[in-house]
PDB file of N, CA and C in Angstrom:
ATOM      1  N   MET A   1     -17.290  16.430  -1.084  1.00  0.00           N
ATOM      2  CA  MET A   1     -16.829  17.171  -2.248  1.00  0.00           C
ATOM      3  C   MET A   1     -16.860  16.226  -3.457  1.00  0.00           C
ATOM      4  N   PRO A   2     -17.515  16.613  -4.543  1.00  0.00           N
ATOM      5  CA  PRO A   2     -17.586  15.763  -5.738  1.00  0.00           C
ATOM      6  C   PRO A   2     -16.205  15.580  -6.372  1.00  0.00           C
ATOM      7  N   VAL A   3     -16.014  14.407  -6.940  1.00  0.00           N
ATOM      8  CA  VAL A   3     -14.751  14.069  -7.585  1.00  0.00           C
ATOM      9  C   VAL A   3     -15.034  13.851  -9.068  1.00  0.00           C
ATOM     10  N   SER A   4     -14.189  14.403  -9.942  1.00  0.00           N
ATOM     11  CA  SER A   4     -14.384  14.233 -11.379  1.00  0.00           C
ATOM     12  C   SER A   4     -13.971  12.826 -11.812  1.00  0.00           C
ATOM     13  N   ASN A   5     -14.427  12.426 -12.992  1.00  0.00           N
ATOM     14  CA  ASN A   5     -14.051  11.111 -13.522  1.00  0.00           C
ATOM     15  C   ASN A   5     -12.542  10.995 -13.659  1.00  0.00           C
ATOM     16  N   ASN A   6     -11.903  12.044 -14.154  1.00  0.00           N
ATOM     17  CA  ASN A   6     -10.451  12.022 -14.334  1.00  0.00           C
ATOM     18  C   ASN A   6      -9.718  11.860 -13.008  1.00  0.00           C
ATOM     19  N   GLU A   7     -10.209  12.545 -11.980  1.00  0.00           N
ATOM     20  CA  GLU A   7      -9.588  12.432 -10.656  1.00  0.00           C
ATOM     21  C   GLU A   7      -9.760  11.025 -10.094  1.00  0.00           C
ATOM     22  N   LEU A   8     -10.918  10.430 -10.331  1.00  0.00           N
ATOM     23  CA  LEU A   8     -11.180   9.074  -9.849  1.00  0.00           C
ATOM     24  C   LEU A   8     -10.265   8.074 -10.549  1.00  0.00           C
ATOM     25  N   VAL A   9     -10.165   8.185 -11.857  1.00  0.00           N
ATOM     26  CA  VAL A   9      -9.294   7.280 -12.621  1.00  0.00           C
ATOM     27  C   VAL A   9      -7.846   7.454 -12.186  1.00  0.00           C
ATOM     28  N   GLU A  10      -7.408   8.692 -12.021  1.00  0.00           N
ATOM     29  CA  GLU A  10      -6.033   8.960 -11.579  1.00  0.00           C
ATOM     30  C   GLU A  10      -5.774   8.348 -10.204  1.00  0.00           C
ATOM     31  N   ALA A  11      -6.724   8.497  -9.303  1.00  0.00           N
ATOM     32  CA  ALA A  11      -6.558   7.942  -7.955  1.00  0.00           C
ATOM     33  C   ALA A  11      -6.493   6.423  -7.984  1.00  0.00           C
ATOM     34  N   LEU A  12      -7.255   5.801  -8.869  1.00  0.00           N
ATOM     35  CA  LEU A  12      -7.254   4.343  -8.955  1.00  0.00           C
ATOM     36  C   LEU A  12      -5.995   3.809  -9.632  1.00  0.00           C
ATOM     37  N   LEU A  13      -5.494   4.529 -10.631  1.00  0.00           N
ATOM     38  CA  LEU A  13      -4.349   4.043 -11.394  1.00  0.00           C
ATOM     39  C   LEU A  13      -2.990   4.468 -10.837  1.00  0.00           C
ATOM     40  N   ARG A  14      -2.942   5.499 -10.024  1.00  0.00           N
ATOM     41  CA  ARG A  14      -1.670   6.011  -9.517  1.00  0.00           C
ATOM     42  C   ARG A  14      -0.836   4.932  -8.835  1.00  0.00           C
ATOM     43  N   PRO A  15      -1.402   4.113  -7.931  1.00  0.00           N
ATOM     44  CA  PRO A  15      -0.572   3.068  -7.294  1.00  0.00           C
ATOM     45  C   PRO A  15       0.003   2.082  -8.311  1.00  0.00           C
ATOM     46  N   LEU A  16      -0.774   1.730  -9.310  1.00  0.00           N
ATOM     47  CA  LEU A  16      -0.284   0.818 -10.349  1.00  0.00           C
ATOM     48  C   LEU A  16       0.846   1.464 -11.136  1.00  0.00           C
ATOM     49  N   HIS A  17       0.657   2.712 -11.552  1.00  0.00           N
ATOM     50  CA  HIS A  17       1.708   3.423 -12.290  1.00  0.00           C
ATOM     51  C   HIS A  17       2.989   3.535 -11.463  1.00  0.00           C
ATOM     52  N   ASP A  18       2.842   3.853 -10.192  1.00  0.00           N
ATOM     53  CA  ASP A  18       4.018   3.983  -9.323  1.00  0.00           C
ATOM     54  C   ASP A  18       4.742   2.653  -9.167  1.00  0.00           C
ATOM     55  N   ALA A  19       3.971   1.568  -9.008  1.00  0.00           N
ATOM     56  CA  ALA A  19       4.585   0.246  -8.853  1.00  0.00           C
ATOM     57  C   ALA A  19       5.330  -0.150 -10.133  1.00  0.00           C
ATOM     58  N   LEU A  20       4.714   0.069 -11.289  1.00  0.00           N
ATOM     59  CA  LEU A  20       5.373  -0.258 -12.561  1.00  0.00           C
ATOM     60  C   LEU A  20       6.625   0.599 -12.743  1.00  0.00           C
ATOM     61  N   ASP A  21       6.500   1.872 -12.455  1.00  0.00           N
ATOM     62  CA  ASP A  21       7.630   2.799 -12.591  1.00  0.00           C
ATOM     63  C   ASP A  21       8.790   2.388 -11.688  1.00  0.00           C
ATOM     64  N   SER A  22       8.479   1.949 -10.469  1.00  0.00           N
ATOM     65  CA  SER A  22       9.543   1.563  -9.539  1.00  0.00           C
ATOM     66  C   SER A  22      10.288   0.321 -10.020  1.00  0.00           C
ATOM     67  N   GLN A  23       9.666  -0.472 -10.888  1.00  0.00           N
ATOM     68  CA  GLN A  23      10.308  -1.664 -11.444  1.00  0.00           C
ATOM     69  C   GLN A  23      10.926  -1.407 -12.819  1.00  0.00           C
ATOM     70  N   GLY A  24      10.934  -0.127 -13.238  1.00  0.00           N
ATOM     71  CA  GLY A  24      11.562   0.235 -14.508  1.00  0.00           C
ATOM     72  C   GLY A  24      10.666   0.062 -15.719  1.00  0.00           C
ATOM     73  N   ILE A  25       9.385  -0.191 -15.504  1.00  0.00           N
ATOM     74  CA  ILE A  25       8.458  -0.339 -16.619  1.00  0.00           C
ATOM     75  C   ILE A  25       7.814   1.027 -16.861  1.00  0.00           C
ATOM     76  N   THR A  26       8.516   1.838 -17.629  1.00  0.00           N
ATOM     77  CA  THR A  26       8.107   3.209 -17.907  1.00  0.00           C
ATOM     78  C   THR A  26       7.509   3.288 -19.311  1.00  0.00           C
ATOM     79  N   PRO A  27       6.838   4.392 -19.642  1.00  0.00           N
ATOM     80  CA  PRO A  27       6.329   4.538 -21.007  1.00  0.00           C
ATOM     81  C   PRO A  27       7.447   4.437 -22.065  1.00  0.00           C
ATOM     82  N   LEU A  28       8.617   4.967 -21.785  1.00  0.00           N
ATOM     83  CA  LEU A  28       9.727   4.873 -22.738  1.00  0.00           C
ATOM     84  C   LEU A  28      10.161   3.425 -22.932  1.00  0.00           C
ATOM     85  N   TYR A  29      10.277   2.669 -21.842  1.00  0.00           N
ATOM     86  CA  TYR A  29      10.637   1.253 -21.908  1.00  0.00           C
ATOM     87  C   TYR A  29       9.619   0.485 -22.755  1.00  0.00           C
ATOM     88  N   LEU A  30       8.325   0.737 -22.495  1.00  0.00           N
ATOM     89  CA  LEU A  30       7.280   0.051 -23.250  1.00  0.00           C
ATOM     90  C   LEU A  30       7.309   0.439 -24.724  1.00  0.00           C
ATOM     91  N   ALA A  31       7.591   1.707 -25.020  1.00  0.00           N
ATOM     92  CA  ALA A  31       7.668   2.151 -26.414  1.00  0.00           C
ATOM     93  C   ALA A  31       8.803   1.440 -27.153  1.00  0.00           C
ATOM     94  N   LYS A  32       9.939   1.282 -26.478  1.00  0.00           N
ATOM     95  CA  LYS A  32      11.074   0.587 -27.105  1.00  0.00           C
ATOM     96  C   LYS A  32      10.727  -0.879 -27.372  1.00  0.00           C
ATOM     97  N   LYS A  33      10.075  -1.531 -26.416  1.00  0.00           N
ATOM     98  CA  LYS A  33       9.676  -2.929 -26.600  1.00  0.00           C
ATOM     99  C   LYS A  33       8.653  -3.059 -27.729  1.00  0.00           C
ATOM    100  N   LEU A  34       7.719  -2.125 -27.786  1.00  0.00           N
ATOM    101  CA  LEU A  34       6.708  -2.144 -28.841  1.00  0.00           C
ATOM    102  C   LEU A  34       7.350  -1.979 -30.212  1.00  0.00           C
ATOM    103  N   LYS A  35       8.331  -1.098 -30.314  1.00  0.00           N
ATOM    104  CA  LYS A  35       9.022  -0.895 -31.593  1.00  0.00           C
ATOM    105  C   LYS A  35       9.724  -2.182 -32.035  1.00  0.00           C
ATOM    106  N   ARG A  36      10.364  -2.882 -31.086  1.00  0.00           N
ATOM    107  CA  ARG A  36      11.025  -4.148 -31.424  1.00  0.00           C
ATOM    108  C   ARG A  36      10.015  -5.174 -31.924  1.00  0.00           C
ATOM    109  N   GLU A  37       8.854  -5.215 -31.283  1.00  0.00           N
ATOM    110  CA  GLU A  37       7.832  -6.184 -31.690  1.00  0.00           C
ATOM    111  C   GLU A  37       7.255  -5.844 -33.057  1.00  0.00           C
ATOM    112  N   ILE A  38       7.074  -4.562 -33.349  1.00  0.00           N
ATOM    113  CA  ILE A  38       6.528  -4.162 -34.649  1.00  0.00           C
ATOM    114  C   ILE A  38       7.484  -4.538 -35.781  1.00  0.00           C
ATOM    115  N   ASN A  39       8.775  -4.636 -35.479  1.00  0.00           N
ATOM    116  CA  ASN A  39       9.778  -5.007 -36.479  1.00  0.00           C
ATOM    117  C   ASN A  39      10.297  -6.430 -36.286  1.00  0.00           C
ATOM    118  N   ALA A  40       9.543  -7.262 -35.573  1.00  0.00           N
ATOM    119  CA  ALA A  40      10.007  -8.598 -35.193  1.00  0.00           C
ATOM    120  C   ALA A  40      10.286  -9.505 -36.398  1.00  0.00           C
ATOM    121  N   LYS A  41      11.335 -10.289 -36.255  1.00  0.00           N
ATOM    122  CA  LYS A  41      11.687 -11.334 -37.220  1.00  0.00           C
ATOM    123  C   LYS A  41      11.896 -12.618 -36.438  1.00  0.00           C
ATOM    124  N   GLU A  42      11.799 -13.748 -37.132  1.00  0.00           N
ATOM    125  CA  GLU A  42      12.010 -15.039 -36.492  1.00  0.00           C
ATOM    126  C   GLU A  42      12.765 -15.958 -37.441  1.00  0.00           C
ATOM    127  N   THR A  43      13.443 -16.917 -36.860  1.00  0.00           N
ATOM    128  CA  THR A  43      14.175 -17.917 -37.636  1.00  0.00           C
ATOM    129  C   THR A  43      13.505 -19.258 -37.393  1.00  0.00           C
ATOM    130  N   LYS A  44      13.150 -19.935 -38.472  1.00  0.00           N
ATOM    131  CA  LYS A  44      12.526 -21.263 -38.372  1.00  0.00           C
ATOM    132  C   LYS A  44      13.629 -22.316 -38.333  1.00  0.00           C
ATOM    133  N   VAL A  45      13.393 -23.374 -37.564  1.00  0.00           N
ATOM    134  CA  VAL A  45      14.356 -24.467 -37.426  1.00  0.00           C
ATOM    135  C   VAL A  45      13.715 -25.733 -37.981  1.00  0.00           C
ATOM    136  N   PHE A  46      14.474 -26.448 -38.825  1.00  0.00           N
ATOM    137  CA  PHE A  46      13.978 -27.670 -39.457  1.00  0.00           C
ATOM    138  C   PHE A  46      14.943 -28.814 -39.182  1.00  0.00           C
ATOM    139  N   ASN A  47      14.388 -30.010 -39.065  1.00  0.00           N
ATOM    140  CA  ASN A  47      15.194 -31.211 -38.897  1.00  0.00           C
ATOM    141  C   ASN A  47      15.103 -31.993 -40.209  1.00  0.00           C
ATOM    142  N   ASP A  48      16.216 -32.086 -40.915  1.00  0.00           N
ATOM    143  CA  ASP A  48      16.254 -32.791 -42.194  1.00  0.00           C
ATOM    144  C   ASP A  48      17.133 -34.024 -42.060  1.00  0.00           C
ATOM    145  N   LYS A  49      16.504 -35.154 -41.734  1.00  0.00           N
ATOM    146  CA  LYS A  49      17.221 -36.428 -41.603  1.00  0.00           C
ATOM    147  C   LYS A  49      18.411 -36.315 -40.648  1.00  0.00           C
ATOM    148  N   GLY A  50      18.174 -35.698 -39.492  1.00  0.00           N
ATOM    149  CA  GLY A  50      19.229 -35.579 -38.494  1.00  0.00           C
ATOM    150  C   GLY A  50      20.025 -34.289 -38.590  1.00  0.00           C
ATOM    151  N   SER A  51      19.936 -33.590 -39.692  1.00  0.00           N
ATOM    152  CA  SER A  51      20.630 -32.304 -39.841  1.00  0.00           C
ATOM    153  C   SER A  51      19.672 -31.182 -39.454  1.00  0.00           C
ATOM    154  N   ILE A  52      20.180 -30.249 -38.688  1.00  0.00           N
ATOM    155  CA  ILE A  52      19.361 -29.107 -38.297  1.00  0.00           C
ATOM    156  C   ILE A  52      19.611 -27.976 -39.282  1.00  0.00           C
ATOM    157  N   LEU A  53      18.528 -27.471 -39.858  1.00  0.00           N
ATOM    158  CA  LEU A  53      18.613 -26.380 -40.825  1.00  0.00           C
ATOM    159  C   LEU A  53      17.892 -25.158 -40.258  1.00  0.00           C
ATOM    160  N   TYR A  54      18.464 -23.993 -40.497  1.00  0.00           N
ATOM    161  CA  TYR A  54      17.871 -22.740 -40.045  1.00  0.00           C
ATOM    162  C   TYR A  54      17.478 -21.917 -41.262  1.00  0.00           C
ATOM    163  N   SER A  55      16.304 -21.310 -41.194  1.00  0.00           N
ATOM    164  CA  SER A  55      15.875 -20.434 -42.286  1.00  0.00           C
ATOM    165  C   SER A  55      16.575 -19.087 -42.154  1.00  0.00           C
ATOM    166  N   LYS A  56      16.495 -18.299 -43.192  1.00  0.00           N
ATOM    167  CA  LYS A  56      16.952 -16.916 -43.072  1.00  0.00           C
ATOM    168  C   LYS A  56      15.941 -16.195 -42.177  1.00  0.00           C
ATOM    169  N   PRO A  57      16.279 -15.053 -41.599  1.00  0.00           N
ATOM    170  CA  PRO A  57      15.307 -14.337 -40.761  1.00  0.00           C
ATOM    171  C   PRO A  57      14.046 -14.004 -41.566  1.00  0.00           C
ATOM    172  N   LEU A  58      12.910 -14.372 -41.012  1.00  0.00           N
ATOM    173  CA  LEU A  58      11.615 -14.152 -41.656  1.00  0.00           C
ATOM    174  C   LEU A  58      10.803 -13.151 -40.843  1.00  0.00           C
ATOM    175  N   ILE A  59       9.903 -12.469 -41.496  1.00  0.00           N
ATOM    176  CA  ILE A  59       9.031 -11.541 -40.792  1.00  0.00           C
ATOM    177  C   ILE A  59       8.098 -12.338 -39.886  1.00  0.00           C
ATOM    178  N   ALA A  60       8.030 -11.954 -38.619  1.00  0.00           N
ATOM    179  CA  ALA A  60       7.157 -12.624 -37.638  1.00  0.00           C
ATOM    180  C   ALA A  60       5.798 -11.926 -37.675  1.00  0.00           C
ATOM    181  N   TRP A  61       4.963 -12.364 -38.610  1.00  0.00           N
ATOM    182  CA  TRP A  61       3.694 -11.676 -38.848  1.00  0.00           C
ATOM    183  C   TRP A  61       2.780 -11.677 -37.628  1.00  0.00           C
ATOM    184  N   ALA A  62       2.677 -12.765 -36.910  1.00  0.00           N
ATOM    185  CA  ALA A  62       1.771 -12.829 -35.757  1.00  0.00           C
ATOM    186  C   ALA A  62       2.195 -11.851 -34.666  1.00  0.00           C
ATOM    187  N   ILE A  63       3.498 -11.786 -34.400  1.00  0.00           N
ATOM    188  CA  ILE A  63       4.003 -10.852 -33.381  1.00  0.00           C
ATOM    189  C   ILE A  63       3.769  -9.413 -33.826  1.00  0.00           C
ATOM    190  N   ARG A  64       4.048  -9.142 -35.088  1.00  0.00           N
ATOM    191  CA  ARG A  64       3.848  -7.784 -35.607  1.00  0.00           C
ATOM    192  C   ARG A  64       2.378  -7.372 -35.556  1.00  0.00           C
ATOM    193  N   GLN A  65       1.488  -8.299 -35.879  1.00  0.00           N
ATOM    194  CA  GLN A  65       0.054  -7.992 -35.853  1.00  0.00           C
ATOM    195  C   GLN A  65      -0.401  -7.647 -34.442  1.00  0.00           C
ATOM    196  N   ARG A  66      -0.002  -8.434 -33.446  1.00  0.00           N
ATOM    197  CA  ARG A  66      -0.386  -8.144 -32.061  1.00  0.00           C
ATOM    198  C   ARG A  66       0.208  -6.805 -31.604  1.00  0.00           C
ATOM    199  N   ALA A  67       1.444  -6.524 -31.995  1.00  0.00           N
ATOM    200  CA  ALA A  67       2.079  -5.256 -31.608  1.00  0.00           C
ATOM    201  C   ALA A  67       1.361  -4.080 -32.263  1.00  0.00           C
ATOM    202  N   ARG A  68       0.972  -4.247 -33.522  1.00  0.00           N
ATOM    203  CA  ARG A  68       0.253  -3.174 -34.218  1.00  0.00           C
ATOM    204  C   ARG A  68      -1.079  -2.899 -33.519  1.00  0.00           C
ATOM    205  N   MET A  69      -1.768  -3.959 -33.131  1.00  0.00           N
ATOM    206  CA  MET A  69      -3.044  -3.784 -32.435  1.00  0.00           C
ATOM    207  C   MET A  69      -2.839  -3.095 -31.083  1.00  0.00           C
ATOM    208  N   ASP A  70      -1.780  -3.467 -30.364  1.00  0.00           N
ATOM    209  CA  ASP A  70      -1.462  -2.803 -29.096  1.00  0.00           C
ATOM    210  C   ASP A  70      -1.203  -1.317 -29.315  1.00  0.00           C
ATOM    211  N   ALA A  71      -0.449  -0.994 -30.358  1.00  0.00           N
ATOM    212  CA  ALA A  71      -0.131   0.406 -30.647  1.00  0.00           C
ATOM    213  C   ALA A  71      -1.412   1.194 -30.930  1.00  0.00           C
ATOM    214  N   HIS A  72      -2.317   0.621 -31.716  1.00  0.00           N
ATOM    215  CA  HIS A  72      -3.584   1.305 -32.001  1.00  0.00           C
ATOM    216  C   HIS A  72      -4.390   1.528 -30.727  1.00  0.00           C
ATOM    217  N   LYS A  73      -4.405   0.544 -29.838  1.00  0.00           N
ATOM    218  CA  LYS A  73      -5.133   0.706 -28.576  1.00  0.00           C
ATOM    219  C   LYS A  73      -4.520   1.817 -27.733  1.00  0.00           C
ATOM    220  N   LEU A  74      -3.185   1.812 -27.637  1.00  0.00           N
ATOM    221  CA  LEU A  74      -2.502   2.834 -26.838  1.00  0.00           C
ATOM    222  C   LEU A  74      -2.713   4.240 -27.390  1.00  0.00           C
ATOM    223  N   LEU A  75      -2.843   4.345 -28.699  1.00  0.00           N
ATOM    224  CA  LEU A  75      -3.051   5.648 -29.331  1.00  0.00           C
ATOM    225  C   LEU A  75      -4.532   6.001 -29.475  1.00  0.00           C
ATOM    226  N   ALA A  76      -5.398   5.168 -28.898  1.00  0.00           N
ATOM    227  CA  ALA A  76      -6.851   5.400 -28.888  1.00  0.00           C
ATOM    228  C   ALA A  76      -7.421   5.515 -30.295  1.00  0.00           C
ATOM    229  N   HIS A  77      -6.967   4.669 -31.214  1.00  0.00           N
ATOM    230  CA  HIS A  77      -7.479   4.676 -32.577  1.00  0.00           C
ATOM    231  C   HIS A  77      -8.772   3.879 -32.723  1.00  0.00           C
ATOM    232  N   TYR A  78      -9.107   3.085 -31.717  1.00  0.00           N
ATOM    233  CA  TYR A  78     -10.346   2.328 -31.742  1.00  0.00           C
ATOM    234  C   TYR A  78     -11.421   3.129 -31.020  1.00  0.00           C
ATOM    235  N   PRO A  79     -12.679   2.948 -31.399  1.00  0.00           N
ATOM    236  CA  PRO A  79     -13.738   3.656 -30.668  1.00  0.00           C
ATOM    237  C   PRO A  79     -13.772   3.194 -29.217  1.00  0.00           C
ATOM    238  N   PRO A  80     -14.094   4.079 -28.306  1.00  0.00           N
ATOM    239  CA  PRO A  80     -14.103   3.694 -26.896  1.00  0.00           C
ATOM    240  C   PRO A  80     -15.171   2.654 -26.616  1.00  0.00           C
ATOM    241  N   GLU A  81     -14.851   1.759 -25.694  1.00  0.00           N
ATOM    242  CA  GLU A  81     -15.829   0.795 -25.235  1.00  0.00           C
ATOM    243  C   GLU A  81     -16.662   1.459 -24.153  1.00  0.00           C
ATOM    244  N   LYS A  82     -17.928   1.223 -24.192  1.00  0.00           N
ATOM    245  CA  LYS A  82     -18.805   1.847 -23.202  1.00  0.00           C
ATOM    246  C   LYS A  82     -19.121   0.831 -22.112  1.00  0.00           C
ATOM    247  N   HIS A  83     -18.824   1.191 -20.899  1.00  0.00           N
ATOM    248  CA  HIS A  83     -19.119   0.357 -19.739  1.00  0.00           C
ATOM    249  C   HIS A  83     -19.929   1.196 -18.769  1.00  0.00           C
ATOM    250  N   GLU A  84     -21.124   0.750 -18.490  1.00  0.00           N
ATOM    251  CA  GLU A  84     -21.959   1.469 -17.543  1.00  0.00           C
ATOM    252  C   GLU A  84     -22.000   0.697 -16.232  1.00  0.00           C
ATOM    253  N   LEU A  85     -21.688   1.384 -15.170  1.00  0.00           N
ATOM    254  CA  LEU A  85     -21.723   0.779 -13.840  1.00  0.00           C
ATOM    255  C   LEU A  85     -22.794   1.478 -13.026  1.00  0.00           C
ATOM    256  N   THR A  86     -23.580   0.686 -12.341  1.00  0.00           N
ATOM    257  CA  THR A  86     -24.601   1.272 -11.487  1.00  0.00           C
ATOM    258  C   THR A  86     -24.548   0.608 -10.120  1.00  0.00           C
ATOM    259  N   GLY A  87     -25.088   1.279  -9.163  1.00  0.00           N
ATOM    260  CA  GLY A  87     -25.161   0.751  -7.811  1.00  0.00           C
ATOM    261  C   GLY A  87     -26.412  -0.097  -7.632  1.00  0.00           C
ATOM    262  N   LYS A  88     -26.837  -0.239  -6.407  1.00  0.00           N
ATOM    263  CA  LYS A  88     -28.033  -1.028  -6.105  1.00  0.00           C
ATOM    264  C   LYS A  88     -29.259  -0.450  -6.820  1.00  0.00           C
ATOM    265  N   ASN A  89     -30.070  -1.351  -7.350  1.00  0.00           N
ATOM    266  CA  ASN A  89     -31.326  -0.981  -8.019  1.00  0.00           C
ATOM    267  C   ASN A  89     -31.122   0.028  -9.143  1.00  0.00           C
ATOM    268  N   GLY A  90     -29.962   0.024  -9.794  1.00  0.00           N
ATOM    269  CA  GLY A  90     -29.715   0.918 -10.918  1.00  0.00           C
ATOM    270  C   GLY A  90     -29.364   2.338 -10.520  1.00  0.00           C
ATOM    271  N   GLY A  91     -29.182   2.566  -9.250  1.00  0.00           N
ATOM    272  CA  GLY A  91     -28.841   3.909  -8.775  1.00  0.00           C
ATOM    273  C   GLY A  91     -27.370   4.216  -9.012  1.00  0.00           C
ATOM    274  N   PRO A  92     -26.905   5.373  -8.546  1.00  0.00           N
ATOM    275  CA  PRO A  92     -25.505   5.752  -8.752  1.00  0.00           C
ATOM    276  C   PRO A  92     -24.553   4.808  -8.004  1.00  0.00           C
ATOM    277  N   LEU A  93     -23.393   4.621  -8.580  1.00  0.00           N
ATOM    278  CA  LEU A  93     -22.369   3.768  -7.989  1.00  0.00           C
ATOM    279  C   LEU A  93     -21.603   4.559  -6.948  1.00  0.00           C
ATOM    280  N   LYS A  94     -21.468   4.013  -5.769  1.00  0.00           N
ATOM    281  CA  LYS A  94     -20.711   4.668  -4.709  1.00  0.00           C
ATOM    282  C   LYS A  94     -19.348   4.006  -4.644  1.00  0.00           C
ATOM    283  N   VAL A  95     -18.298   4.813  -4.703  1.00  0.00           N
ATOM    284  CA  VAL A  95     -16.932   4.302  -4.721  1.00  0.00           C
ATOM    285  C   VAL A  95     -16.226   4.732  -3.452  1.00  0.00           C
ATOM    286  N   THR A  96     -15.585   3.781  -2.781  1.00  0.00           N
ATOM    287  CA  THR A  96     -14.776   4.077  -1.610  1.00  0.00           C
ATOM    288  C   THR A  96     -13.329   3.779  -1.974  1.00  0.00           C
ATOM    289  N   LEU A  97     -12.488   4.799  -1.912  1.00  0.00           N
ATOM    290  CA  LEU A  97     -11.081   4.633  -2.245  1.00  0.00           C
ATOM    291  C   LEU A  97     -10.298   4.257  -0.994  1.00  0.00           C
ATOM    292  N   THR A  98      -9.409   3.283  -1.156  1.00  0.00           N
ATOM    293  CA  THR A  98      -8.530   2.909  -0.064  1.00  0.00           C
ATOM    294  C   THR A  98      -7.096   2.988  -0.564  1.00  0.00           C
ATOM    295  N   ASP A  99      -6.188   3.202   0.338  1.00  0.00           N
ATOM    296  CA  ASP A  99      -4.776   3.286  -0.026  1.00  0.00           C
ATOM    297  C   ASP A  99      -4.193   1.884  -0.025  1.00  0.00           C
ATOM    298  N   ARG A 100      -3.915   1.347  -1.210  1.00  0.00           N
ATOM    299  CA  ARG A 100      -3.371  -0.005  -1.322  1.00  0.00           C
ATOM    300  C   ARG A 100      -1.933   0.032  -1.821  1.00  0.00           C
ATOM    301  N   LEU A 101      -1.305   1.195  -1.793  1.00  0.00           N
ATOM    302  CA  LEU A 101       0.049   1.339  -2.303  1.00  0.00           C
ATOM    303  C   LEU A 101       1.014   0.417  -1.564  1.00  0.00           C
ATOM    304  N   LYS A 102       0.915   0.328  -0.233  1.00  0.00           N
ATOM    305  CA  LYS A 102       1.827  -0.532   0.528  1.00  0.00           C
ATOM    306  C   LYS A 102       1.674  -1.988   0.105  1.00  0.00           C
ATOM    307  N   GLU A 103       0.444  -2.428  -0.104  1.00  0.00           N
ATOM    308  CA  GLU A 103       0.190  -3.809  -0.527  1.00  0.00           C
ATOM    309  C   GLU A 103       0.812  -4.077  -1.902  1.00  0.00           C
ATOM    310  N   ILE A 104       0.674  -3.135  -2.818  1.00  0.00           N
ATOM    311  CA  ILE A 104       1.241  -3.286  -4.165  1.00  0.00           C
ATOM    312  C   ILE A 104       2.765  -3.299  -4.096  1.00  0.00           C
ATOM    313  N   GLU A 105       3.344  -2.410  -3.293  1.00  0.00           N
ATOM    314  CA  GLU A 105       4.798  -2.371  -3.156  1.00  0.00           C
ATOM    315  C   GLU A 105       5.330  -3.677  -2.558  1.00  0.00           C
ATOM    316  N   GLU A 106       4.614  -4.236  -1.587  1.00  0.00           N
ATOM    317  CA  GLU A 106       5.041  -5.507  -0.982  1.00  0.00           C
ATOM    318  C   GLU A 106       4.991  -6.642  -2.006  1.00  0.00           C
ATOM    319  N   CYS A 107       3.966  -6.638  -2.852  1.00  0.00           N
ATOM    320  CA  CYS A 107       3.876  -7.655  -3.903  1.00  0.00           C
ATOM    321  C   CYS A 107       5.039  -7.513  -4.876  1.00  0.00           C
ATOM    322  N   ALA A 108       5.382  -6.277  -5.228  1.00  0.00           N
ATOM    323  CA  ALA A 108       6.486  -6.045  -6.170  1.00  0.00           C
ATOM    324  C   ALA A 108       7.810  -6.470  -5.550  1.00  0.00           C
ATOM    325  N   LYS A 109       7.998  -6.226  -4.263  1.00  0.00           N
ATOM    326  CA  LYS A 109       9.240  -6.622  -3.589  1.00  0.00           C
ATOM    327  C   LYS A 109       9.360  -8.137  -3.499  1.00  0.00           C
ATOM    328  N   GLY A 110       8.224  -8.812  -3.358  1.00  0.00           N
ATOM    329  CA  GLY A 110       8.234 -10.251  -3.235  1.00  0.00           C
ATOM    330  C   GLY A 110       8.666 -10.954  -4.506  1.00  0.00           C
ATOM    331  N   ASP A 111       8.587 -10.276  -5.659  1.00  0.00           N
ATOM    332  CA  ASP A 111       8.962 -10.858  -6.946  1.00  0.00           C
ATOM    333  C   ASP A 111      10.433 -10.666  -7.267  1.00  0.00           C
ATOM    334  N   GLU A 112      11.155  -9.949  -6.440  1.00  0.00           N
ATOM    335  CA  GLU A 112      12.578  -9.670  -6.747  1.00  0.00           C
ATOM    336  C   GLU A 112      13.435 -10.889  -6.554  1.00  0.00           C
TER     337      GLU A 112
END
């Protein structure tokens, strides 16, 4: 029975999504972290002849730039990258799906 591209991608990503979800890394959690990064500030520390001086909170431009780029990627604002995969001699690619959920769950448990 033929499988659609969407079904194939879902089958490949489902174990990863489940593993992340089981560790509390949900889309809402990631959105909250992204919002914090987009509004990031930093304090610079200076040593002035033995005295430690702190700057006022400054905009963390590098962190904000990376967060903005992540947000654009997540919202698909960039043109899609084209990746062509072929099998032997340029023929169709044959994909064999295996259930690796147990392996992923064991790896996640090992990090606790």
